[in-house]
């Protein structure tokens, strides 16, 4: 099998019925079983986060709640009155992606946009009364996922793990602060706004 320019097609040479997607999936599974990656801190942390996100989505689906909506609700509770661009930065998503999500949540009566008195073009975001029970349900799903994740792990072991992860986060946060301090004044502002 060849493409129009004569180069072999991406799936050329694969066993019949096997696609490139199949091979990539098999590679990922092989990588997960590799002893060097099993003990890799970064890989393990990423994989645990991926599995927790997936489990949250599965448990929240019957409630009609997505993980993205749960994150928006949780962050708005902590930072009520934040503008959309600030929330997009906190969530590390593109502003247009967040705008569409906020549109749907506003239609559902969970979020309210109010004009920003300091900037006519911007809006501040607030939770509505209708968001409170949804936020509680979201917390319940999160609690259930954490309980599943920590099954069979003693409380003191869990606390030591969380303490260690807090130190790791602080170490990395200190590095970002040091980088911001060492940067030129214009660069420092850019690093600080990304934090």
Protein backbone atom coordinates (compact mmCIF):
# COMPACT_ATOMS: atom_id res chain seq x y z
CA UNK A 1 0.00 0.00 0.00
CA UNK A 2 1.42 3.40 -0.99
CA UNK A 3 0.39 7.03 -0.70
CA UNK A 4 -0.07 9.20 -3.80
CA UNK A 5 3.56 10.33 -3.83
CA UNK A 6 4.84 6.76 -3.74
CA UNK A 7 5.86 6.70 -0.05
CA UNK A 8 4.63 3.69 1.92
CA UNK A 9 1.37 4.27 3.80
CA UNK A 10 1.71 4.54 7.60
CA UNK A 11 0.03 1.14 8.08
CA UNK A 12 2.10 -0.59 5.37
CA UNK A 13 3.91 -3.66 6.63
CA UNK A 14 1.60 -4.18 9.62
CA UNK A 15 -0.13 -7.54 10.07
CA UNK A 16 -3.57 -7.67 8.41
CA UNK A 17 -6.25 -6.01 10.51
CA UNK A 18 -3.70 -4.07 12.62
CA UNK A 19 -3.63 -0.31 12.33
CA UNK A 20 -1.08 2.23 13.45
CA UNK A 21 -3.43 3.13 16.31
CA UNK A 22 -3.30 -0.49 17.47
CA UNK A 23 0.50 -0.45 17.43
CA UNK A 24 0.62 2.85 19.35
CA UNK A 25 -1.74 1.40 21.96
CA UNK A 26 0.42 -1.72 22.25
CA UNK A 27 3.53 0.47 22.59
CA UNK A 28 1.88 2.45 25.39
CA UNK A 29 0.92 -0.73 27.25
CA UNK A 30 4.45 -2.13 26.77
CA UNK A 31 5.86 1.13 28.13
CA UNK A 32 3.65 0.89 31.21
CA UNK A 33 4.99 -2.61 31.91
CA UNK A 34 8.61 -1.59 31.45
CA UNK A 35 10.43 -1.83 34.81
CA UNK A 36 12.24 1.45 34.26
CA UNK A 37 8.94 3.34 33.88
CA UNK A 38 7.15 1.56 36.73
CA UNK A 39 9.42 3.38 39.18
CA UNK A 40 9.69 6.63 37.20
CA UNK A 41 8.26 9.41 39.38
CA UNK A 42 7.09 11.59 36.50
CA UNK A 43 5.53 8.76 34.53
CA UNK A 44 3.85 7.31 37.62
CA UNK A 45 2.48 10.69 38.71
CA UNK A 46 1.12 11.38 35.23
CA UNK A 47 -0.42 7.91 34.95
CA UNK A 48 -2.11 8.17 38.36
CA UNK A 49 -3.52 11.59 37.43
CA UNK A 50 -4.79 10.16 34.12
CA UNK A 51 -6.47 7.24 35.87
CA UNK A 52 -8.05 9.50 38.48
CA UNK A 53 -9.41 11.82 35.76
CA UNK A 54 -10.82 8.84 33.90
CA UNK A 55 -12.44 7.41 37.05
CA UNK A 56 -13.92 10.82 37.94
CA UNK A 57 -15.45 11.10 34.47
CA UNK A 58 -16.96 7.60 34.80
CA UNK A 59 -18.47 8.32 38.21
CA UNK A 60 -19.70 11.82 37.33
CA UNK A 61 -21.31 10.85 34.01
CA UNK A 62 -24.64 9.74 35.60
CA UNK A 63 -24.86 13.17 37.28
CA UNK A 64 -24.52 14.94 33.93
CA UNK A 65 -21.31 16.55 35.18
CA UNK A 66 -18.01 16.66 33.34
CA UNK A 67 -14.62 16.90 34.98
CA UNK A 68 -14.07 20.28 33.30
CA UNK A 69 -17.31 21.62 34.81
CA UNK A 70 -16.31 20.28 38.22
CA UNK A 71 -12.96 22.04 37.95
CA UNK A 72 -14.60 25.32 36.97
CA UNK A 73 -17.00 25.12 39.91
CA UNK A 74 -14.23 24.27 42.38
CA UNK A 75 -11.95 27.07 41.16
CA UNK A 76 -14.77 29.59 41.09
CA UNK A 77 -15.63 28.74 44.68
CA UNK A 78 -12.02 29.54 45.63
CA UNK A 79 -11.66 32.57 43.31
CA UNK A 80 -15.16 33.93 42.90
CA UNK A 81 -15.14 37.15 40.87
CA UNK A 82 -12.12 36.12 38.77
CA UNK A 83 -12.26 37.16 35.12
CA UNK A 84 -12.42 34.60 32.33
CA UNK A 85 -8.84 35.05 31.18
CA UNK A 86 -7.57 34.64 34.74
CA UNK A 87 -9.60 31.45 35.18
CA UNK A 88 -8.34 30.11 31.84
CA UNK A 89 -4.80 30.69 33.06
CA UNK A 90 -5.47 28.92 36.37
CA UNK A 91 -7.05 25.95 34.58
CA UNK A 92 -4.32 25.99 31.90
CA UNK A 93 -6.80 25.98 29.02
CA UNK A 94 -7.22 28.26 26.04
CA UNK A 95 -9.56 31.21 26.71
CA UNK A 96 -11.88 30.22 23.83
CA UNK A 97 -12.23 26.70 25.25
CA UNK A 98 -13.18 28.12 28.63
CA UNK A 99 -15.57 30.64 27.05
CA UNK A 100 -17.54 27.81 25.44
CA UNK A 101 -17.63 25.86 28.69
CA UNK A 102 -18.78 28.96 30.62
CA UNK A 103 -21.47 29.55 27.97
CA UNK A 104 -22.90 26.06 28.62
CA UNK A 105 -22.63 26.45 32.39
CA UNK A 106 -24.32 29.85 32.23
CA UNK A 107 -27.17 28.34 30.19
CA UNK A 108 -27.50 25.63 32.85
CA UNK A 109 -27.78 28.34 35.52
CA UNK A 110 -24.57 27.38 37.35
CA UNK A 111 -22.41 30.40 36.56
CA UNK A 112 -23.13 34.08 36.15
CA UNK A 113 -21.09 36.61 34.17
CA UNK A 114 -21.02 40.15 35.50
CA UNK A 115 -19.42 43.18 33.90
CA UNK A 116 -15.94 43.99 35.17
CA UNK A 117 -16.01 47.56 36.52
CA UNK A 118 -12.31 47.97 35.69
CA UNK A 119 -12.56 46.73 32.08
CA UNK A 120 -15.62 47.18 29.88
CA UNK A 121 -14.55 44.27 27.65
CA UNK A 122 -14.15 41.74 30.48
CA UNK A 123 -16.54 39.77 32.64
CA UNK A 124 -16.18 38.52 36.19
CA UNK A 125 -17.46 35.03 37.00
CA UNK A 126 -19.65 34.07 39.95
CA UNK A 127 -21.40 30.91 41.10
CA UNK A 128 -25.17 30.91 41.31
CA UNK A 129 -27.26 29.39 44.11
CA UNK A 130 -28.03 26.51 41.74
CA UNK A 131 -24.29 25.61 41.65
CA UNK A 132 -24.08 24.70 45.37
CA UNK A 133 -25.71 21.23 45.16
CA UNK A 134 -23.80 20.45 41.94
CA UNK A 135 -20.56 21.41 43.65
CA UNK A 136 -21.44 19.09 46.55
CA UNK A 137 -22.09 16.23 44.12
CA UNK A 138 -18.78 16.94 42.42
CA UNK A 139 -17.02 16.81 45.79
CA UNK A 140 -18.74 13.52 46.56
CA UNK A 141 -17.47 12.03 43.31
CA UNK A 142 -13.96 13.30 44.07
CA UNK A 143 -14.10 11.82 47.57
CA UNK A 144 -15.18 8.44 46.17
CA UNK A 145 -12.34 8.45 43.62
CA UNK A 146 -9.78 9.33 46.31
CA UNK A 147 -11.13 6.58 48.56
CA UNK A 148 -10.75 4.11 45.70
CA UNK A 149 -7.22 5.34 44.97
CA UNK A 150 -6.14 5.03 48.62
CA UNK A 151 -7.80 1.65 49.25
CA UNK A 152 -5.51 -0.58 51.30
CA UNK A 153 -3.19 2.28 52.28
CA UNK A 154 -3.00 3.10 56.00
CA UNK A 155 -3.87 6.65 57.08
CA UNK A 156 -0.34 7.44 58.30
CA UNK A 157 1.14 6.15 55.02
CA UNK A 158 -1.31 8.33 53.08
CA UNK A 159 -0.35 11.38 55.15
CA UNK A 160 3.38 10.73 54.54
CA UNK A 161 2.72 10.45 50.80
CA UNK A 162 0.75 13.69 50.73
CA UNK A 163 3.43 15.45 52.82
CA UNK A 164 6.12 14.28 50.38
CA UNK A 165 4.09 15.47 47.38
CA UNK A 166 3.55 18.84 49.05
CA UNK A 167 7.34 19.14 49.45
CA UNK A 168 7.84 18.24 45.78
CA UNK A 169 5.33 20.91 44.76
CA UNK A 170 7.01 23.47 47.03
CA UNK A 171 10.42 22.59 45.58
CA UNK A 172 9.18 23.15 42.06
CA UNK A 173 7.29 26.31 43.07
CA UNK A 174 10.45 27.71 44.68
CA UNK A 175 12.35 27.06 41.44
CA UNK A 176 9.73 29.01 39.50
CA UNK A 177 10.00 31.88 41.99
CA UNK A 178 13.81 31.83 41.70
CA UNK A 179 13.54 31.84 37.91
CA UNK A 180 11.18 34.81 38.11
CA UNK A 181 13.62 36.64 40.40
CA UNK A 182 16.58 36.00 38.10
CA UNK A 183 14.71 37.09 34.97
CA UNK A 184 14.85 40.58 33.53
CA UNK A 185 11.98 42.83 34.71
CA UNK A 186 9.83 42.24 31.58
CA UNK A 187 10.50 38.51 31.67
CA UNK A 188 9.77 38.38 35.41
CA UNK A 189 6.23 39.66 34.80
CA UNK A 190 5.66 36.94 32.20
CA UNK A 191 6.85 34.18 34.58
CA UNK A 192 4.74 35.56 37.44
CA UNK A 193 1.57 35.65 35.34
CA UNK A 194 2.09 32.01 34.33
CA UNK A 195 2.36 30.88 37.97
